[in-house]
């Protein structure tokens, strides 16, 4: 009698975990992060960036309604997308275009690539379609936002995998080189859009005040106390998986992302959109 009971308990536990994961993978939520900085230009106090990452062409409700409703509820001044709109393993971009074709009506949308775009044959077509929608493509480009005499620079870093492939050391060197060329206005308050959180130290050294990143998928499986299990380019028990991180000279907000790729399920790790509100410390 004991063995069947044990087996039944194990099967019930597995079924419960699968059911929880199936629900959680589509239960997108809006999380809010406040970033305070004494050097923020005064006119940008209260400026909100709605941060999306790692969609992997996933869908959240008919017409992306669940996700679009969350975006609209944050009343953002800009929507920023930090890579992996599409997935190298599953061809298709319809859901990604469905989302951004409507997001541009909520706020200006700014986009940089991730590692999946770097190896997808569909990326050239995606790039053309996004440009036609009015999405600002910030791959190794900057855009200056102005409020009166104050200005904030949005900078975008093309994913280094376009150049360096899987070589982690070369990825860091590529990022350093590109940021030197990109961030020529040292007096400007710069917000960087980049896919990769593992390069946080590189961003701070380059003078970036705030980096917005994804890529880590929240550590994929999160332990009850919040530790992620594994992340690309960070390995086991990764350091940067979600929320606000602070180093001397800069800050970084990492999104848990929206979709999945090689691992098709996440646990204790709901997909998220992140409303990042900038506040000037007094």
Protein backbone atom coordinates (compact mmCIF):
# COMPACT_ATOMS: atom_id res chain seq x y z
CA UNK A 1 0.00 0.00 0.00
CA UNK A 2 2.81 2.41 0.81
CA UNK A 3 4.41 2.35 -2.65
CA UNK A 4 1.19 3.20 -4.58
CA UNK A 5 0.49 6.04 -2.15
CA UNK A 6 4.00 7.45 -2.60
CA UNK A 7 3.75 7.17 -6.38
CA UNK A 8 0.32 8.81 -6.30
CA UNK A 9 1.66 11.69 -4.22
CA UNK A 10 4.59 12.18 -6.59
CA UNK A 11 2.32 12.18 -9.64
CA UNK A 12 -0.06 14.62 -7.96
CA UNK A 13 2.83 16.94 -7.11
CA UNK A 14 4.14 16.80 -10.69
CA UNK A 15 0.66 17.54 -12.04
CA UNK A 16 0.29 20.49 -9.65
CA UNK A 17 3.65 21.95 -10.69
CA UNK A 18 2.78 21.57 -14.39
CA UNK A 19 -0.61 23.22 -13.88
CA UNK A 20 0.96 26.08 -11.93
CA UNK A 21 3.62 26.57 -14.59
CA UNK A 22 1.07 26.51 -17.43
CA UNK A 23 -0.93 29.27 -15.72
CA UNK A 24 2.08 31.28 -14.67
CA UNK A 25 3.60 31.39 -18.16
CA UNK A 26 0.69 33.47 -19.48
CA UNK A 27 -0.07 35.41 -16.27
CA UNK A 28 1.77 38.56 -17.29
CA UNK A 29 1.99 41.28 -14.66
CA UNK A 30 3.03 44.92 -14.41
CA UNK A 31 5.78 45.67 -11.90
CA UNK A 32 6.99 49.14 -10.98
CA UNK A 33 10.53 50.27 -10.22
CA UNK A 34 11.56 53.74 -9.09
CA UNK A 35 15.08 54.90 -9.98
CA UNK A 36 16.28 57.90 -7.99
CA UNK A 37 19.25 59.96 -9.12
CA UNK A 38 20.43 63.39 -7.99
CA UNK A 39 21.86 64.04 -11.47
CA UNK A 40 18.61 63.41 -13.34
CA UNK A 41 17.61 66.55 -15.26
CA UNK A 42 14.76 68.18 -13.32
CA UNK A 43 12.35 68.22 -16.25
CA UNK A 44 12.52 64.40 -16.43
CA UNK A 45 11.40 63.89 -12.84
CA UNK A 46 8.52 61.40 -13.09
CA UNK A 47 9.44 60.24 -16.62
CA UNK A 48 8.27 56.64 -17.05
CA UNK A 49 9.81 54.06 -19.36
CA UNK A 50 7.72 50.93 -19.93
CA UNK A 51 10.31 48.19 -20.31
CA UNK A 52 9.61 45.01 -22.32
CA UNK A 53 12.08 42.24 -23.08
CA UNK A 54 12.32 38.69 -24.40
CA UNK A 55 8.90 38.38 -25.98
CA UNK A 56 10.10 35.48 -28.18
CA UNK A 57 7.00 36.06 -30.31
CA UNK A 58 4.71 34.99 -27.47
CA UNK A 59 1.08 36.06 -27.30
CA UNK A 60 -0.79 37.39 -24.28
CA UNK A 61 -4.46 37.36 -25.13
CA UNK A 62 -6.22 37.96 -28.41
CA UNK A 63 -4.54 40.85 -30.16
CA UNK A 64 -2.02 41.01 -27.29
CA UNK A 65 -4.78 42.63 -25.23
CA UNK A 66 -3.48 41.50 -21.80
CA UNK A 67 -0.09 43.03 -22.42
CA UNK A 68 -1.34 46.16 -24.15
CA UNK A 69 -3.74 46.86 -21.30
CA UNK A 70 -0.84 46.68 -18.84
CA UNK A 71 1.26 49.01 -20.99
CA UNK A 72 -1.56 51.56 -21.22
CA UNK A 73 -2.26 51.38 -17.48
CA UNK A 74 1.31 52.54 -16.75
CA UNK A 75 0.76 55.73 -18.81
CA UNK A 76 4.37 55.60 -20.04
CA UNK A 77 6.28 58.44 -21.67
CA UNK A 78 8.13 55.86 -23.77
CA UNK A 79 8.08 52.11 -24.39
CA UNK A 80 11.49 50.44 -24.62
CA UNK A 81 12.13 46.93 -25.93
CA UNK A 82 15.45 45.29 -25.08
CA UNK A 83 15.73 42.45 -27.55
CA UNK A 84 14.56 38.94 -28.43
CA UNK A 85 11.25 39.97 -29.93
CA UNK A 86 11.51 36.82 -32.04
CA UNK A 87 12.89 33.34 -31.40
CA UNK A 88 15.57 31.58 -33.41
CA UNK A 89 13.98 28.16 -32.75
CA UNK A 90 10.43 29.06 -33.81
CA UNK A 91 10.04 31.02 -37.04
CA UNK A 92 7.45 33.77 -37.00
CA UNK A 93 7.05 37.42 -36.04
CA UNK A 94 3.29 37.95 -36.23
CA UNK A 95 2.73 38.27 -32.48
CA UNK A 96 5.68 40.63 -32.06
CA UNK A 97 4.40 42.90 -34.83
CA UNK A 98 0.86 42.66 -33.43
CA UNK A 99 2.14 44.03 -30.13
CA UNK A 100 4.29 46.88 -31.41
CA UNK A 101 1.85 47.98 -34.09
CA UNK A 102 -0.47 48.96 -31.24
CA UNK A 103 2.12 49.98 -28.65
CA UNK A 104 3.23 52.85 -30.90
CA UNK A 105 -0.22 54.38 -30.37
CA UNK A 106 0.36 54.45 -26.59
CA UNK A 107 3.83 56.04 -26.54
CA UNK A 108 6.96 56.28 -28.70
CA UNK A 109 8.63 52.86 -28.95
CA UNK A 110 12.41 52.32 -28.91
CA UNK A 111 14.00 48.96 -29.70
CA UNK A 112 17.37 47.21 -29.60
CA UNK A 113 18.26 43.69 -30.66
CA UNK A 114 18.99 40.59 -28.62
CA UNK A 115 20.98 37.45 -29.31
CA UNK A 116 18.02 35.74 -31.04
CA UNK A 117 17.81 38.49 -33.66
CA UNK A 118 21.55 38.07 -34.22
CA UNK A 119 21.11 34.49 -35.47
CA UNK A 120 17.62 34.67 -37.00
CA UNK A 121 17.19 34.78 -40.77
CA UNK A 122 13.99 36.71 -40.13
CA UNK A 123 15.69 39.69 -38.50
CA UNK A 124 16.21 41.77 -41.69
CA UNK A 125 12.49 41.47 -42.45
CA UNK A 126 11.61 42.26 -38.82
CA UNK A 127 13.80 45.36 -38.90
CA UNK A 128 12.05 46.66 -42.02
CA UNK A 129 8.60 45.97 -40.60
CA UNK A 130 9.37 47.69 -37.30
CA UNK A 131 10.72 50.77 -39.06
CA UNK A 132 7.54 50.92 -41.15
CA UNK A 133 5.48 50.89 -37.93
CA UNK A 134 7.36 53.91 -36.62
CA UNK A 135 9.45 52.03 -34.03
CA UNK A 136 12.75 53.79 -33.31
CA UNK A 137 15.60 51.33 -33.97
CA UNK A 138 18.43 52.23 -31.61
CA UNK A 139 21.03 49.66 -32.60
CA UNK A 140 24.30 51.54 -31.90
CA UNK A 141 22.42 54.81 -32.07
CA UNK A 142 21.26 57.51 -29.69
CA UNK A 143 18.15 59.64 -29.50
CA UNK A 144 18.02 62.84 -27.48
CA UNK A 145 14.77 63.57 -25.67
CA UNK A 146 14.18 67.20 -24.70
CA UNK A 147 11.98 68.90 -22.15
CA UNK A 148 12.61 72.61 -22.24
CA UNK A 149 16.35 73.08 -21.78
CA UNK A 150 16.81 69.66 -20.18
CA UNK A 151 17.72 66.57 -22.16
CA UNK A 152 17.96 62.85 -21.67
CA UNK A 153 19.81 60.58 -24.09
CA UNK A 154 18.44 57.16 -24.95
CA UNK A 155 21.26 55.00 -26.28
CA UNK A 156 20.90 51.57 -27.81
CA UNK A 157 23.55 48.86 -28.03
CA UNK A 158 23.19 46.29 -30.80
CA UNK A 159 23.66 42.85 -29.31
CA UNK A 160 27.38 42.01 -29.49
CA UNK A 161 26.58 38.52 -30.76
CA UNK A 162 26.15 40.11 -34.21
CA UNK A 163 29.93 40.62 -34.16
CA UNK A 164 31.45 38.31 -31.58
CA UNK A 165 29.24 35.24 -31.57
CA UNK A 166 29.34 33.25 -28.32
CA UNK A 167 32.75 34.52 -27.16
CA UNK A 168 32.01 36.16 -23.80
CA UNK A 169 35.31 38.04 -23.54
CA UNK A 170 34.93 39.35 -27.06
CA UNK A 171 31.34 40.38 -26.33
CA UNK A 172 32.56 42.62 -23.50
CA UNK A 173 35.28 44.12 -25.69
CA UNK A 174 32.79 44.81 -28.49
CA UNK A 175 30.41 46.49 -26.05
CA UNK A 176 33.22 48.66 -24.65
CA UNK A 177 34.32 49.72 -28.13
CA UNK A 178 30.82 50.57 -29.30
CA UNK A 179 29.92 52.50 -26.16
CA UNK A 180 33.07 54.64 -26.53
CA UNK A 181 31.91 55.61 -30.01
CA UNK A 182 28.29 56.01 -28.97
CA UNK A 183 28.50 58.03 -25.76
CA UNK A 184 30.33 61.11 -26.94
CA UNK A 185 28.22 63.56 -24.93
CA UNK A 186 29.68 63.04 -21.45
CA UNK A 187 27.49 65.76 -19.92
CA UNK A 188 24.23 64.07 -20.95
CA UNK A 189 22.18 61.87 -18.66
CA UNK A 190 22.22 58.57 -20.55
CA UNK A 191 19.78 55.67 -20.34
CA UNK A 192 21.10 52.62 -22.19
CA UNK A 193 18.96 49.94 -23.81
CA UNK A 194 20.92 46.70 -24.04
CA UNK A 195 19.92 43.06 -24.00
CA UNK A 196 22.68 41.79 -21.71
CA UNK A 197 22.79 42.38 -17.94
CA UNK A 198 26.05 40.49 -17.46
CA UNK A 199 27.86 43.52 -18.96
CA UNK A 200 26.72 45.85 -16.14
CA UNK A 201 30.30 46.72 -15.20
CA UNK A 202 31.04 47.71 -18.80
CA UNK A 203 28.04 50.04 -18.86
CA UNK A 204 29.03 51.77 -15.63
CA UNK A 205 32.64 52.24 -16.81
CA UNK A 206 31.32 53.85 -20.00
CA UNK A 207 29.36 56.48 -18.06
CA UNK A 208 25.86 55.03 -18.43
CA UNK A 209 23.65 56.26 -15.57
CA UNK A 210 20.91 53.67 -16.08
CA UNK A 211 20.87 50.48 -18.17
CA UNK A 212 17.70 48.57 -19.03
CA UNK A 213 18.33 44.90 -19.85
CA UNK A 214 16.68 41.49 -20.21
CA UNK A 215 18.15 38.19 -21.46
CA UNK A 216 18.18 36.39 -18.08
CA UNK A 217 14.51 35.29 -18.17
CA UNK A 218 14.40 35.88 -14.42
CA UNK A 219 16.64 32.88 -13.85
CA UNK A 220 13.93 30.69 -15.47
CA UNK A 221 13.09 28.85 -12.21
CA UNK A 222 13.08 30.98 -9.07
CA UNK A 223 13.52 29.54 -5.61
CA UNK A 224 11.00 30.62 -2.94
CA UNK A 225 13.41 33.25 -1.60
CA UNK A 226 13.85 34.78 -5.06
CA UNK A 227 17.11 33.30 -6.35
CA UNK A 228 17.09 32.42 -10.04
CA UNK A 229 18.49 29.03 -11.05
CA UNK A 230 20.10 29.60 -14.44
CA UNK A 231 20.52 32.36 -17.01
CA UNK A 232 22.25 32.69 -20.39
CA UNK A 233 25.85 33.94 -20.13
CA UNK A 234 25.62 33.87 -16.32
CA UNK A 235 25.26 30.15 -15.66
CA UNK A 236 23.94 28.67 -12.42
CA UNK A 237 22.60 30.96 -9.68
CA UNK A 238 23.00 34.10 -11.80
CA UNK A 239 23.67 37.49 -10.21
CA UNK A 240 21.45 39.66 -12.38
CA UNK A 241 17.94 38.33 -13.04
CA UNK A 242 15.30 40.90 -12.08
CA UNK A 243 14.80 44.34 -10.59
CA UNK A 244 17.13 47.19 -9.71
CA UNK A 245 20.90 46.81 -9.26
CA UNK A 246 23.27 49.55 -8.14
CA UNK A 247 27.01 49.91 -8.69
CA UNK A 248 29.27 52.87 -8.15
CA UNK A 249 28.60 55.12 -11.11
CA UNK A 250 25.42 53.54 -12.44
CA UNK A 251 22.24 51.56 -12.05
CA UNK A 252 20.57 48.74 -14.00
CA UNK A 253 17.00 47.43 -14.17
CA UNK A 254 16.64 43.85 -15.42
CA UNK A 255 13.32 42.55 -16.72
CA UNK A 256 12.32 38.93 -16.16
CA UNK A 257 11.00 39.05 -19.71
CA UNK A 258 7.82 37.77 -21.30
CA UNK A 259 8.33 34.59 -23.31
CA UNK A 260 10.46 31.45 -23.24
CA UNK A 261 12.86 29.81 -25.65
CA UNK A 262 14.92 26.64 -25.19
CA UNK A 263 13.32 26.03 -21.77
CA UNK A 264 9.56 26.20 -22.46
CA UNK A 265 8.37 26.82 -18.90
CA UNK A 266 9.18 29.13 -15.99
CA UNK A 267 8.36 28.62 -12.30
CA UNK A 268 7.85 31.22 -9.54
CA UNK A 269 8.73 33.65 -12.28
CA UNK A 270 5.75 35.31 -13.92
CA UNK A 271 6.33 37.20 -17.18
CA UNK A 272 6.42 40.93 -16.64
CA UNK A 273 6.29 44.39 -18.07
CA UNK A 274 8.28 46.87 -15.96
CA UNK A 275 7.32 50.51 -15.47
CA UNK A 276 10.58 52.32 -14.64
CA UNK A 277 9.93 55.79 -13.24
CA UNK A 278 12.82 58.24 -12.95
CA UNK A 279 12.90 60.56 -9.96
CA UNK A 280 15.31 63.34 -9.11
CA UNK A 281 16.72 63.06 -5.63
CA UNK A 282 16.71 66.29 -3.68
